[in-house]
Amino acid sequence: MERLNSIIQKMEACIQDNDDLETVMMDCMEEIEENYNQLDSVQPLLHLMERHPLTDFGSPGPIVHFVERFYKKRI
């Protein structure tokens, strides 16, 4: 879980530094899908989006597509 948090921190740093969020987010989400494709990955990702409500994460974007896989499953 510590590695998952560092991946999310990488996305968050990108938001704060105004870097190319789309590219970084795609790379990070690819890593999460390959290595952390489980229900307990959902909550940290949603918290990231809650901390940055004005950030454009896509329409709907890779985070939402990932989270949708776990719709109606319990944490």
N, C-alpha and C. Protein backbone atom coordinates (compact mmCIF):
# COMPACT_ATOMS: atom_id res chain seq x y z
N MET A 1 0.82 -1.20 0.00
CA MET A 1 0.00 0.00 0.00
C MET A 1 0.86 1.26 0.00
N GLU A 2 2.05 1.16 0.57
CA GLU A 2 2.95 2.32 0.61
C GLU A 2 3.32 2.76 -0.80
N ARG A 3 3.57 1.79 -1.68
CA ARG A 3 3.91 2.11 -3.08
C ARG A 3 2.72 2.76 -3.78
N LEU A 4 1.53 2.29 -3.51
CA LEU A 4 0.33 2.91 -4.08
C LEU A 4 0.25 4.38 -3.66
N ASN A 5 0.50 4.65 -2.39
CA ASN A 5 0.46 6.03 -1.90
C ASN A 5 1.51 6.89 -2.59
N SER A 6 2.67 6.34 -2.88
CA SER A 6 3.70 7.13 -3.56
C SER A 6 3.30 7.43 -5.00
N ILE A 7 2.59 6.52 -5.64
CA ILE A 7 2.10 6.77 -6.99
C ILE A 7 1.06 7.90 -6.96
N ILE A 8 0.18 7.85 -5.99
CA ILE A 8 -0.84 8.90 -5.86
C ILE A 8 -0.18 10.24 -5.52
N GLN A 9 0.84 10.23 -4.70
CA GLN A 9 1.58 11.45 -4.39
C GLN A 9 2.24 12.03 -5.63
N LYS A 10 2.69 11.17 -6.52
CA LYS A 10 3.28 11.63 -7.78
C LYS A 10 2.24 12.40 -8.60
N MET A 11 1.01 11.88 -8.66
CA MET A 11 -0.06 12.59 -9.38
C MET A 11 -0.37 13.90 -8.69
N GLU A 12 -0.41 13.88 -7.37
CA GLU A 12 -0.73 15.10 -6.62
C GLU A 12 0.34 16.16 -6.81
N ALA A 13 1.60 15.76 -6.83
CA ALA A 13 2.69 16.71 -7.06
C ALA A 13 2.58 17.33 -8.45
N CYS A 14 2.15 16.53 -9.40
CA CYS A 14 1.97 17.02 -10.75
C CYS A 14 0.87 18.09 -10.80
N ILE A 15 -0.18 17.88 -10.05
CA ILE A 15 -1.27 18.86 -9.98
C ILE A 15 -0.75 20.17 -9.40
N GLN A 16 0.00 20.08 -8.33
CA GLN A 16 0.50 21.27 -7.64
C GLN A 16 1.55 22.01 -8.46
N ASP A 17 2.32 21.29 -9.27
CA ASP A 17 3.38 21.90 -10.06
C ASP A 17 2.91 22.30 -11.45
N ASN A 18 1.64 22.06 -11.74
CA ASN A 18 1.06 22.37 -13.05
C ASN A 18 1.79 21.67 -14.18
N ASP A 19 2.26 20.47 -13.94
CA ASP A 19 2.90 19.67 -14.98
C ASP A 19 1.82 19.07 -15.87
N ASP A 20 2.23 18.26 -16.82
CA ASP A 20 1.29 17.61 -17.73
C ASP A 20 0.56 16.49 -17.00
N LEU A 21 -0.52 16.83 -16.33
CA LEU A 21 -1.26 15.87 -15.51
C LEU A 21 -1.75 14.69 -16.33
N GLU A 22 -2.22 14.93 -17.52
CA GLU A 22 -2.80 13.84 -18.31
C GLU A 22 -1.77 12.73 -18.55
N THR A 23 -0.57 13.09 -18.94
CA THR A 23 0.46 12.10 -19.21
C THR A 23 0.88 11.37 -17.95
N VAL A 24 1.11 12.12 -16.88
CA VAL A 24 1.52 11.52 -15.61
C VAL A 24 0.42 10.63 -15.06
N MET A 25 -0.82 11.10 -15.15
CA MET A 25 -1.95 10.33 -14.63
C MET A 25 -2.12 9.03 -15.40
N MET A 26 -1.96 9.07 -16.71
CA MET A 26 -2.09 7.85 -17.52
C MET A 26 -1.02 6.84 -17.12
N ASP A 27 0.22 7.29 -16.95
CA ASP A 27 1.31 6.40 -16.54
C ASP A 27 1.05 5.81 -15.16
N CYS A 28 0.63 6.67 -14.24
CA CYS A 28 0.38 6.22 -12.87
C CYS A 28 -0.79 5.23 -12.81
N MET A 29 -1.85 5.53 -13.54
CA MET A 29 -3.00 4.64 -13.52
C MET A 29 -2.67 3.30 -14.19
N GLU A 30 -1.82 3.32 -15.18
CA GLU A 30 -1.39 2.06 -15.80
C GLU A 30 -0.65 1.19 -14.78
N GLU A 31 0.21 1.83 -14.00
CA GLU A 31 0.93 1.09 -12.97
C GLU A 31 -0.01 0.57 -11.89
N ILE A 32 -0.98 1.38 -11.50
CA ILE A 32 -1.95 0.95 -10.49
C ILE A 32 -2.76 -0.23 -11.01
N GLU A 33 -3.20 -0.15 -12.26
CA GLU A 33 -3.99 -1.24 -12.83
C GLU A 33 -3.20 -2.54 -12.90
N GLU A 34 -1.92 -2.44 -13.21
CA GLU A 34 -1.09 -3.64 -13.34
C GLU A 34 -0.72 -4.24 -11.98
N ASN A 35 -0.50 -3.39 -10.99
CA ASN A 35 0.05 -3.86 -9.72
C ASN A 35 -0.88 -3.74 -8.52
N TYR A 36 -1.92 -2.91 -8.63
CA TYR A 36 -2.78 -2.66 -7.47
C TYR A 36 -4.25 -2.73 -7.88
N ASN A 37 -4.57 -3.61 -8.80
CA ASN A 37 -5.92 -3.70 -9.32
C ASN A 37 -6.82 -4.42 -8.32
N GLN A 38 -7.11 -3.70 -7.24
CA GLN A 38 -7.94 -4.29 -6.20
C GLN A 38 -8.79 -3.20 -5.55
N LEU A 39 -9.79 -3.63 -4.88
CA LEU A 39 -10.78 -2.73 -4.30
C LEU A 39 -10.18 -1.70 -3.34
N ASP A 40 -9.16 -2.07 -2.59
CA ASP A 40 -8.61 -1.11 -1.62
C ASP A 40 -7.79 0.00 -2.29
N SER A 41 -7.65 -0.03 -3.60
CA SER A 41 -7.00 1.07 -4.33
C SER A 41 -7.97 2.22 -4.60
N VAL A 42 -9.27 1.93 -4.49
CA VAL A 42 -10.29 2.91 -4.86
C VAL A 42 -10.31 4.11 -3.91
N GLN A 43 -10.33 3.85 -2.63
CA GLN A 43 -10.47 4.94 -1.66
C GLN A 43 -9.34 5.98 -1.76
N PRO A 44 -8.07 5.59 -1.83
CA PRO A 44 -7.02 6.61 -1.97
C PRO A 44 -7.16 7.44 -3.24
N LEU A 45 -7.62 6.82 -4.32
CA LEU A 45 -7.81 7.57 -5.56
C LEU A 45 -8.97 8.57 -5.43
N LEU A 46 -10.05 8.15 -4.80
CA LEU A 46 -11.17 9.07 -4.59
C LEU A 46 -10.77 10.22 -3.66
N HIS A 47 -9.96 9.94 -2.67
CA HIS A 47 -9.48 11.00 -1.78
C HIS A 47 -8.63 12.01 -2.54
N LEU A 48 -7.83 11.53 -3.48
CA LEU A 48 -7.05 12.45 -4.32
C LEU A 48 -7.99 13.40 -5.06
N MET A 49 -9.03 12.86 -5.64
CA MET A 49 -9.98 13.70 -6.38
C MET A 49 -10.72 14.65 -5.45
N GLU A 50 -11.02 14.21 -4.24
CA GLU A 50 -11.70 15.08 -3.27
C GLU A 50 -10.80 16.24 -2.85
N ARG A 51 -9.51 15.99 -2.71
CA ARG A 51 -8.57 17.05 -2.31
C ARG A 51 -8.38 18.11 -3.39
N HIS A 52 -8.71 17.76 -4.64
CA HIS A 52 -8.50 18.67 -5.77
C HIS A 52 -9.76 18.77 -6.62
N PRO A 53 -10.83 19.35 -6.05
CA PRO A 53 -12.12 19.36 -6.74
C PRO A 53 -12.12 20.20 -8.03
N LEU A 54 -11.19 21.11 -8.20
CA LEU A 54 -11.17 21.96 -9.38
C LEU A 54 -10.26 21.42 -10.48
N THR A 55 -9.61 20.32 -10.23
CA THR A 55 -8.70 19.72 -11.20
C THR A 55 -9.47 18.90 -12.22
N ASP A 56 -9.08 19.05 -13.48
CA ASP A 56 -9.70 18.27 -14.55
C ASP A 56 -8.99 16.92 -14.65
N PHE A 57 -9.64 15.88 -14.15
CA PHE A 57 -9.09 14.53 -14.18
C PHE A 57 -9.53 13.78 -15.44
N GLY A 58 -10.20 14.46 -16.34
CA GLY A 58 -10.70 13.84 -17.55
C GLY A 58 -12.20 13.74 -17.53
N SER A 59 -12.75 13.36 -18.66
CA SER A 59 -14.21 13.26 -18.77
C SER A 59 -14.61 11.89 -19.26
N PRO A 60 -14.72 10.89 -18.48
CA PRO A 60 -14.53 10.87 -17.05
C PRO A 60 -13.08 10.65 -16.62
N GLY A 61 -12.23 10.12 -17.45
CA GLY A 61 -10.83 9.98 -17.11
C GLY A 61 -10.45 8.60 -16.60
N PRO A 62 -9.15 8.32 -16.55
CA PRO A 62 -8.68 6.99 -16.18
C PRO A 62 -8.98 6.60 -14.74
N ILE A 63 -9.02 7.56 -13.83
CA ILE A 63 -9.32 7.23 -12.44
C ILE A 63 -10.75 6.73 -12.32
N VAL A 64 -11.67 7.43 -12.94
CA VAL A 64 -13.08 7.04 -12.88
C VAL A 64 -13.29 5.69 -13.57
N HIS A 65 -12.65 5.47 -14.70
CA HIS A 65 -12.79 4.18 -15.37
C HIS A 65 -12.30 3.04 -14.48
N PHE A 66 -11.20 3.28 -13.77
CA PHE A 66 -10.67 2.27 -12.85
C PHE A 66 -11.66 2.02 -11.71
N VAL A 67 -12.16 3.09 -11.11
CA VAL A 67 -13.07 2.98 -9.97
C VAL A 67 -14.38 2.28 -10.37
N GLU A 68 -14.85 2.53 -11.58
CA GLU A 68 -16.11 1.92 -12.04
C GLU A 68 -16.07 0.39 -12.03
N ARG A 69 -14.89 -0.18 -12.17
CA ARG A 69 -14.78 -1.65 -12.15
C ARG A 69 -15.26 -2.26 -10.82
N PHE A 70 -15.23 -1.45 -9.79
CA PHE A 70 -15.54 -1.94 -8.46
C PHE A 70 -16.91 -1.48 -7.97
N TYR A 71 -17.72 -0.93 -8.88
CA TYR A 71 -19.05 -0.45 -8.54
C TYR A 71 -19.87 -1.57 -7.90
N LYS A 72 -20.49 -1.25 -6.81
CA LYS A 72 -21.35 -2.17 -6.02
C LYS A 72 -20.58 -3.30 -5.34
N LYS A 73 -19.29 -3.14 -5.19
CA LYS A 73 -18.51 -4.09 -4.41
C LYS A 73 -18.17 -3.42 -3.11
N ARG A 74 -18.03 -4.17 -2.07
CA ARG A 74 -17.80 -3.61 -0.73
C ARG A 74 -16.33 -3.54 -0.41
N ILE A 75 -15.99 -2.46 0.29
CA ILE A 75 -14.63 -2.27 0.76
C ILE A 75 -14.44 -2.99 2.07
